[in-house]
C-alpha atoms as a PDB file:
ATOM      1  CA  UNK A   1      20.366  29.878  22.182  1.00  0.00           C
ATOM      2  CA  UNK A   2      16.840  28.764  23.359  1.00  0.00           C
ATOM      3  CA  UNK A   3      16.464  25.942  25.964  1.00  0.00           C
ATOM      4  CA  UNK A   4      15.684  22.722  24.029  1.00  0.00           C
ATOM      5  CA  UNK A   5      14.163  19.551  25.593  1.00  0.00           C
ATOM      6  CA  UNK A   6      14.638  16.262  23.645  1.00  0.00           C
ATOM      7  CA  UNK A   7      12.668  13.220  24.880  1.00  0.00           C
ATOM      8  CA  UNK A   8      13.258   9.640  23.625  1.00  0.00           C
ATOM      9  CA  UNK A   9      10.743   7.162  24.711  1.00  0.00           C
ATOM     10  CA  UNK A  10      11.078   3.807  22.905  1.00  0.00           C
ATOM     11  CA  UNK A  11       8.192   2.195  24.693  1.00  0.00           C
ATOM     12  CA  UNK A  12       4.982   4.168  24.122  1.00  0.00           C
ATOM     13  CA  UNK A  13       1.276   3.479  24.321  1.00  0.00           C
ATOM     14  CA  UNK A  14       1.350   3.040  20.565  1.00  0.00           C
ATOM     15  CA  UNK A  15       4.027   0.416  20.694  1.00  0.00           C
ATOM     16  CA  UNK A  16       3.074  -3.319  20.078  1.00  0.00           C
ATOM     17  CA  UNK A  17       3.996  -4.253  23.605  1.00  0.00           C
ATOM     18  CA  UNK A  18       1.842  -1.522  25.120  1.00  0.00           C
ATOM     19  CA  UNK A  19      -1.046  -2.331  22.762  1.00  0.00           C
ATOM     20  CA  UNK A  20      -0.836  -5.993  23.826  1.00  0.00           C
ATOM     21  CA  UNK A  21      -0.905  -5.041  27.491  1.00  0.00           C
ATOM     22  CA  UNK A  22      -3.918  -2.656  26.992  1.00  0.00           C
ATOM     23  CA  UNK A  23      -5.693  -5.416  25.090  1.00  0.00           C
ATOM     24  CA  UNK A  24      -5.078  -7.933  27.897  1.00  0.00           C
ATOM     25  CA  UNK A  25      -6.258  -5.412  30.305  1.00  0.00           C
ATOM     26  CA  UNK A  26      -9.534  -4.671  28.477  1.00  0.00           C
ATOM     27  CA  UNK A  27     -10.064  -8.422  28.116  1.00  0.00           C
ATOM     28  CA  UNK A  28      -9.601  -8.811  31.835  1.00  0.00           C
ATOM     29  CA  UNK A  29     -12.158  -6.109  32.592  1.00  0.00           C
ATOM     30  CA  UNK A  30     -14.670  -7.515  30.146  1.00  0.00           C
ATOM     31  CA  UNK A  31     -14.333 -10.920  31.746  1.00  0.00           C
ATOM     32  CA  UNK A  32     -14.976  -9.548  35.198  1.00  0.00           C
ATOM     33  CA  UNK A  33     -18.422  -8.242  34.284  1.00  0.00           C
ATOM     34  CA  UNK A  34     -19.369 -10.898  31.750  1.00  0.00           C
ATOM     35  CA  UNK A  35     -17.968 -14.276  32.795  1.00  0.00           C
ATOM     36  CA  UNK A  36     -16.880 -13.987  36.391  1.00  0.00           C
ATOM     37  CA  UNK A  37     -19.318 -14.945  39.090  1.00  0.00           C
ATOM     38  CA  UNK A  38     -16.896 -15.626  41.896  1.00  0.00           C
ATOM     39  CA  UNK A  39     -16.085 -12.489  43.941  1.00  0.00           C
ATOM     40  CA  UNK A  40     -12.541 -13.749  44.790  1.00  0.00           C
ATOM     41  CA  UNK A  41     -11.731 -14.507  41.109  1.00  0.00           C
ATOM     42  CA  UNK A  42     -12.895 -11.048  40.133  1.00  0.00           C
ATOM     43  CA  UNK A  43     -10.581  -9.568  42.740  1.00  0.00           C
ATOM     44  CA  UNK A  44      -7.742 -11.628  41.357  1.00  0.00           C
ATOM     45  CA  UNK A  45      -8.351 -10.572  37.771  1.00  0.00           C
ATOM     46  CA  UNK A  46      -8.661  -6.882  38.862  1.00  0.00           C
ATOM     47  CA  UNK A  47      -5.398  -7.085  40.645  1.00  0.00           C
ATOM     48  CA  UNK A  48      -3.682  -8.681  37.675  1.00  0.00           C
ATOM     49  CA  UNK A  49      -5.201  -6.004  35.450  1.00  0.00           C
ATOM     50  CA  UNK A  50      -3.861  -3.181  37.590  1.00  0.00           C
ATOM     51  CA  UNK A  51      -0.327  -4.751  37.953  1.00  0.00           C
ATOM     52  CA  UNK A  52      -0.320  -4.994  34.009  1.00  0.00           C
ATOM     53  CA  UNK A  53      -1.042  -1.413  33.699  1.00  0.00           C
ATOM     54  CA  UNK A  54       1.474  -0.357  36.223  1.00  0.00           C
ATOM     55  CA  UNK A  55       4.192  -2.592  34.564  1.00  0.00           C
ATOM     56  CA  UNK A  56       3.579  -0.974  31.208  1.00  0.00           C
ATOM     57  CA  UNK A  57       3.816   2.487  32.778  1.00  0.00           C
ATOM     58  CA  UNK A  58       6.955   1.535  34.574  1.00  0.00           C
ATOM     59  CA  UNK A  59       8.632   0.141  31.413  1.00  0.00           C
ATOM     60  CA  UNK A  60       7.740   3.391  29.516  1.00  0.00           C
ATOM     61  CA  UNK A  61       9.317   5.466  32.288  1.00  0.00           C
ATOM     62  CA  UNK A  62      12.356   3.315  32.621  1.00  0.00           C
ATOM     63  CA  UNK A  63      13.071   3.438  28.934  1.00  0.00           C
ATOM     64  CA  UNK A  64      12.710   7.135  28.745  1.00  0.00           C
ATOM     65  CA  UNK A  65      15.897   9.207  28.121  1.00  0.00           C
ATOM     66  CA  UNK A  66      15.724  12.946  27.768  1.00  0.00           C
ATOM     67  CA  UNK A  67      18.188  15.742  27.195  1.00  0.00           C
ATOM     68  CA  UNK A  68      18.174  19.411  28.039  1.00  0.00           C
ATOM     69  CA  UNK A  69      20.293  21.836  26.028  1.00  0.00           C
ATOM     70  CA  UNK A  70      20.556  25.489  27.305  1.00  0.00           C
ATOM     71  CA  UNK A  71      22.895  28.381  26.693  1.00  0.00           C
ATOM     72  CA  UNK A  72      25.053  27.260  29.587  1.00  0.00           C
ATOM     73  CA  UNK A  73      24.860  23.448  29.958  1.00  0.00           C
ATOM     74  CA  UNK A  74      23.906  20.061  28.543  1.00  0.00           C
ATOM     75  CA  UNK A  75      22.083  17.540  30.621  1.00  0.00           C
ATOM     76  CA  UNK A  76      20.989  13.880  30.383  1.00  0.00           C
ATOM     77  CA  UNK A  77      18.012  12.755  32.269  1.00  0.00           C
ATOM     78  CA  UNK A  78      17.557   8.982  33.025  1.00  0.00           C
ATOM     79  CA  UNK A  79      15.086   7.007  35.072  1.00  0.00           C
ATOM     80  CA  UNK A  80      17.519   6.728  37.878  1.00  0.00           C
ATOM     81  CA  UNK A  81      18.913  10.117  37.766  1.00  0.00           C
ATOM     82  CA  UNK A  82      21.284  11.960  35.345  1.00  0.00           C
ATOM     83  CA  UNK A  83      24.301  14.018  34.839  1.00  0.00           C
ATOM     84  CA  UNK A  84      25.105  17.644  33.690  1.00  0.00           C
ATOM     85  CA  UNK A  85      28.091  19.361  32.167  1.00  0.00           C
ATOM     86  CA  UNK A  86      28.665  23.012  31.260  1.00  0.00           C
ATOM     87  CA  UNK A  87      29.505  24.059  27.805  1.00  0.00           C
ATOM     88  CA  UNK A  88      32.461  25.900  29.122  1.00  0.00           C
ATOM     89  CA  UNK A  89      33.855  22.620  30.391  1.00  0.00           C
ATOM     90  CA  UNK A  90      33.560  20.744  27.016  1.00  0.00           C
ATOM     91  CA  UNK A  91      36.404  20.482  24.583  1.00  0.00           C
ATOM     92  CA  UNK A  92      34.625  18.641  21.722  1.00  0.00           C
ATOM     93  CA  UNK A  93      31.642  16.536  20.898  1.00  0.00           C
ATOM     94  CA  UNK A  94      31.671  13.820  18.134  1.00  0.00           C
ATOM     95  CA  UNK A  95      30.754  10.347  16.973  1.00  0.00           C
ATOM     96  CA  UNK A  96      33.182   7.706  18.245  1.00  0.00           C
ATOM     97  CA  UNK A  97      35.162   5.685  15.803  1.00  0.00           C
ATOM     98  CA  UNK A  98      37.360   2.570  16.050  1.00  0.00           C
ATOM     99  CA  UNK A  99      40.205   1.359  13.836  1.00  0.00           C
ATOM    100  CA  UNK A 100      39.503  -1.768  11.761  1.00  0.00           C
ATOM    101  CA  UNK A 101      42.317  -2.793   9.550  1.00  0.00           C
ATOM    102  CA  UNK A 102      43.411   0.879   9.030  1.00  0.00           C
ATOM    103  CA  UNK A 103      39.906   2.084   8.425  1.00  0.00           C
ATOM    104  CA  UNK A 104      37.973   4.342  10.845  1.00  0.00           C
ATOM    105  CA  UNK A 105      34.616   2.822  11.535  1.00  0.00           C
ATOM    106  CA  UNK A 106      31.877   4.746  13.318  1.00  0.00           C
ATOM    107  CA  UNK A 107      30.547   3.294  16.545  1.00  0.00           C
ATOM    108  CA  UNK A 108      27.058   3.716  17.813  1.00  0.00           C
ATOM    109  CA  UNK A 109      28.240   6.131  20.579  1.00  0.00           C
ATOM    110  CA  UNK A 110      28.570   9.915  20.862  1.00  0.00           C
ATOM    111  CA  UNK A 111      31.589  11.097  22.817  1.00  0.00           C
ATOM    112  CA  UNK A 112      32.143  14.268  24.950  1.00  0.00           C
ATOM    113  CA  UNK A 113      35.567  15.400  25.873  1.00  0.00           C
ATOM    114  CA  UNK A 114      35.909  17.399  29.060  1.00  0.00           C
ATOM    115  CA  UNK A 115      38.420  19.970  30.277  1.00  0.00           C
ATOM    116  CA  UNK A 116      38.046  19.085  33.882  1.00  0.00           C
ATOM    117  CA  UNK A 117      36.654  15.891  35.368  1.00  0.00           C
ATOM    118  CA  UNK A 118      35.743  17.280  38.885  1.00  0.00           C
ATOM    119  CA  UNK A 119      32.430  19.075  38.105  1.00  0.00           C
ATOM    120  CA  UNK A 120      31.082  15.962  36.534  1.00  0.00           C
ATOM    121  CA  UNK A 121      32.382  13.618  39.158  1.00  0.00           C
ATOM    122  CA  UNK A 122      31.045  15.865  41.952  1.00  0.00           C
ATOM    123  CA  UNK A 123      27.574  16.086  40.493  1.00  0.00           C
ATOM    124  CA  UNK A 124      26.808  12.676  39.048  1.00  0.00           C
ATOM    125  CA  UNK A 125      24.299  10.311  40.770  1.00  0.00           C
ATOM    126  CA  UNK A 126      25.996   7.197  42.255  1.00  0.00           C
ATOM    127  CA  UNK A 127      23.369   4.979  40.531  1.00  0.00           C
ATOM    128  CA  UNK A 128      24.130   6.472  37.171  1.00  0.00           C
ATOM    129  CA  UNK A 129      27.863   6.111  37.762  1.00  0.00           C
ATOM    130  CA  UNK A 130      27.333   2.417  38.399  1.00  0.00           C
ATOM    131  CA  UNK A 131      25.193   1.970  35.376  1.00  0.00           C
ATOM    132  CA  UNK A 132      27.933   3.607  33.189  1.00  0.00           C
ATOM    133  CA  UNK A 133      30.626   1.337  34.488  1.00  0.00           C
ATOM    134  CA  UNK A 134      28.516  -1.722  33.765  1.00  0.00           C
ATOM    135  CA  UNK A 135      26.825  -0.676  30.500  1.00  0.00           C
ATOM    136  CA  UNK A 136      29.938   0.611  28.760  1.00  0.00           C
ATOM    137  CA  UNK A 137      32.150  -2.284  29.300  1.00  0.00           C
ATOM    138  CA  UNK A 138      31.788  -3.442  25.693  1.00  0.00           C
ATOM    139  CA  UNK A 139      32.927  -0.100  24.558  1.00  0.00           C
ATOM    140  CA  UNK A 140      36.000  -0.221  26.776  1.00  0.00           C
ATOM    141  CA  UNK A 141      36.761  -3.659  25.504  1.00  0.00           C
ATOM    142  CA  UNK A 142      36.627  -2.458  21.876  1.00  0.00           C
ATOM    143  CA  UNK A 143      38.936   0.506  22.660  1.00  0.00           C
ATOM    144  CA  UNK A 144      41.485  -1.738  24.474  1.00  0.00           C
ATOM    145  CA  UNK A 145      41.524  -4.183  21.536  1.00  0.00           C
ATOM    146  CA  UNK A 146      42.299  -1.428  18.969  1.00  0.00           C
ATOM    147  CA  UNK A 147      44.821   0.279  21.202  1.00  0.00           C
ATOM    148  CA  UNK A 148      48.604  -0.146  20.991  1.00  0.00           C
ATOM    149  CA  UNK A 149      48.697   0.393  24.799  1.00  0.00           C
ATOM    150  CA  UNK A 150      49.509  -2.718  26.897  1.00  0.00           C
ATOM    151  CA  UNK A 151      46.667  -3.464  29.205  1.00  0.00           C
ATOM    152  CA  UNK A 152      44.561  -6.318  30.465  1.00  0.00           C
ATOM    153  CA  UNK A 153      40.800  -5.857  30.562  1.00  0.00           C
ATOM    154  CA  UNK A 154      40.384  -7.270  34.101  1.00  0.00           C
ATOM    155  CA  UNK A 155      42.768  -4.549  35.296  1.00  0.00           C
ATOM    156  CA  UNK A 156      40.997  -1.505  33.818  1.00  0.00           C
ATOM    157  CA  UNK A 157      37.309  -2.509  33.625  1.00  0.00           C
ATOM    158  CA  UNK A 158      36.929  -1.688  37.350  1.00  0.00           C
ATOM    159  CA  UNK A 159      39.988   0.219  38.119  1.00  0.00           C
ATOM    160  CA  UNK A 160      39.522   1.374  41.717  1.00  0.00           C
ATOM    161  CA  UNK A 161      42.835   3.197  42.207  1.00  0.00           C
ATOM    162  CA  UNK A 162      42.424   6.607  43.878  1.00  0.00           C
ATOM    163  CA  UNK A 163      42.205   9.372  41.254  1.00  0.00           C
ATOM    164  CA  UNK A 164      43.727  12.816  41.813  1.00  0.00           C
ATOM    165  CA  UNK A 165      42.788  15.766  39.658  1.00  0.00           C
ATOM    166  CA  UNK A 166      45.041  18.700  38.580  1.00  0.00           C
ATOM    167  CA  UNK A 167      44.044  20.665  41.691  1.00  0.00           C
ATOM    168  CA  UNK A 168      45.298  17.848  43.975  1.00  0.00           C
ATOM    169  CA  UNK A 169      41.843  16.719  45.225  1.00  0.00           C
ATOM    170  CA  UNK A 170      41.729  12.952  45.556  1.00  0.00           C
ATOM    171  CA  UNK A 171      38.653  10.769  44.677  1.00  0.00           C
ATOM    172  CA  UNK A 172      38.134   7.227  46.003  1.00  0.00           C
ATOM    173  CA  UNK A 173      35.550   4.548  45.643  1.00  0.00           C
ATOM    174  CA  UNK A 174      32.956   4.768  42.927  1.00  0.00           C
ATOM    175  CA  UNK A 175      34.036   8.248  41.843  1.00  0.00           C
ATOM    176  CA  UNK A 176      37.557   7.047  41.416  1.00  0.00           C
ATOM    177  CA  UNK A 177      36.413   4.082  39.321  1.00  0.00           C
ATOM    178  CA  UNK A 178      34.408   6.386  37.089  1.00  0.00           C
ATOM    179  CA  UNK A 179      37.264   8.812  36.743  1.00  0.00           C
ATOM    180  CA  UNK A 180      39.815   6.065  35.891  1.00  0.00           C
ATOM    181  CA  UNK A 181      37.240   4.670  33.309  1.00  0.00           C
ATOM    182  CA  UNK A 182      37.033   8.022  31.743  1.00  0.00           C
ATOM    183  CA  UNK A 183      40.862   8.266  31.628  1.00  0.00           C
ATOM    184  CA  UNK A 184      41.107   4.864  29.885  1.00  0.00           C
ATOM    185  CA  UNK A 185      38.381   5.732  27.391  1.00  0.00           C
ATOM    186  CA  UNK A 186      40.193   9.024  26.618  1.00  0.00           C
ATOM    187  CA  UNK A 187      43.312   7.022  25.730  1.00  0.00           C
ATOM    188  CA  UNK A 188      41.243   4.871  23.336  1.00  0.00           C
ATOM    189  CA  UNK A 189      38.714   7.286  21.893  1.00  0.00           C
ATOM    190  CA  UNK A 190      39.822  10.726  22.959  1.00  0.00           C
ATOM    191  CA  UNK A 191      36.464  11.187  24.733  1.00  0.00           C
ATOM    192  CA  UNK A 192      35.388  10.987  28.426  1.00  0.00           C
ATOM    193  CA  UNK A 193      31.539  10.793  28.457  1.00  0.00           C
ATOM    194  CA  UNK A 194      29.603   8.645  26.091  1.00  0.00           C
ATOM    195  CA  UNK A 195      25.917   8.602  24.923  1.00  0.00           C
ATOM    196  CA  UNK A 196      24.531   5.547  23.272  1.00  0.00           C
ATOM    197  CA  UNK A 197      23.138   6.146  19.799  1.00  0.00           C
ATOM    198  CA  UNK A 198      20.229   4.056  20.835  1.00  0.00           C
ATOM    199  CA  UNK A 199      19.101   6.599  23.381  1.00  0.00           C
ATOM    200  CA  UNK A 200      18.419   9.495  21.031  1.00  0.00           C
ATOM    201  CA  UNK A 201      15.538  10.273  18.701  1.00  0.00           C
ATOM    202  CA  UNK A 202      17.643  11.038  15.625  1.00  0.00           C
ATOM    203  CA  UNK A 203      20.869   9.947  13.995  1.00  0.00           C
ATOM    204  CA  UNK A 204      24.152  10.348  15.919  1.00  0.00           C
ATOM    205  CA  UNK A 205      25.443  12.815  13.294  1.00  0.00           C
ATOM    206  CA  UNK A 206      22.378  15.007  13.646  1.00  0.00           C
ATOM    207  CA  UNK A 207      22.633  15.021  17.422  1.00  0.00           C
ATOM    208  CA  UNK A 208      26.299  15.915  17.315  1.00  0.00           C
ATOM    209  CA  UNK A 209      25.497  18.717  14.827  1.00  0.00           C
ATOM    210  CA  UNK A 210      22.830  20.119  17.198  1.00  0.00           C
ATOM    211  CA  UNK A 211      25.157  19.909  20.287  1.00  0.00           C
ATOM    212  CA  UNK A 212      28.026  21.539  18.391  1.00  0.00           C
ATOM    213  CA  UNK A 213      25.826  24.540  17.543  1.00  0.00           C
ATOM    214  CA  UNK A 214      25.148  25.061  21.296  1.00  0.00           C
ATOM    215  CA  UNK A 215      28.774  24.607  22.074  1.00  0.00           C
ATOM    216  CA  UNK A 216      29.823  27.052  19.467  1.00  0.00           C
ATOM    217  CA  UNK A 217      27.166  29.609  20.696  1.00  0.00           C
ATOM    218  CA  UNK A 218      28.446  29.335  24.225  1.00  0.00           C
ATOM    219  CA  UNK A 219      32.045  29.864  23.122  1.00  0.00           C
ATOM    220  CA  UNK A 220      31.032  32.993  21.224  1.00  0.00           C
ATOM    221  CA  UNK A 221      29.187  34.268  24.255  1.00  0.00           C
ATOM    222  CA  UNK A 222      32.181  33.683  26.460  1.00  0.00           C
ATOM    223  CA  UNK A 223      34.418  35.508  23.974  1.00  0.00           C
ATOM    224  CA  UNK A 224      32.044  38.476  23.906  1.00  0.00           C
ATOM    225  CA  UNK A 225      32.018  38.632  27.683  1.00  0.00           C
ATOM    226  CA  UNK A 226      35.843  38.733  27.723  1.00  0.00           C
ATOM    227  CA  UNK A 227      35.888  41.494  25.227  1.00  0.00           C
ATOM    228  CA  UNK A 228      33.284  43.460  27.249  1.00  0.00           C
ATOM    229  CA  UNK A 229      35.251  42.992  30.483  1.00  0.00           C
ATOM    230  CA  UNK A 230      38.459  44.328  28.736  1.00  0.00           C
ATOM    231  CA  UNK A 231      36.620  47.406  27.438  1.00  0.00           C
ATOM    232  CA  UNK A 232      35.330  48.184  30.851  1.00  0.00           C
END
């Protein structure tokens, strides 16, 4: 599979907000040369204009979310950092659902179930881990409400109990909180990592279909390598 880069940028120069900012900037520049006779006032307007341009650029960068899909791994890039998982560490990818009066209703989240938490925990940026814990509280609450498991939201939303993986390695602090959140989410939705449907440039179903094709290709390649090793 070829490397694919997907970029989603909700705030662009063609967006109404950006156009308004550029219009105000242009108006500020025109006023400097036409109406302003005071040097100090011209400096102030110039600074405001520069700040406006920088703010628009910052908003565009902050809102940008991109994804890299290669033959070996899947990666999400955010303004503050990102995370990466290898296809051989993924069990499944799908759209999350919740139970509403016996009916399975899709949620605006894409889920990824891992085989092993450690590679993800060891590589994720602390700032991104913090954002995940805060931004996915609503999803955790929905899962807890639909679950038959007895739990209190206050006890699981920031569960800081040390987490020990299957190999016996212990995680504490922020890594433990993230691992425990993943464990709770798996109990509720059978997924560990979640991508908001608002952060992709296509429907959740289309994105899942694309990711599954890469996952299937990676699995076929792994099987072929095992066969080649046996033949040798």
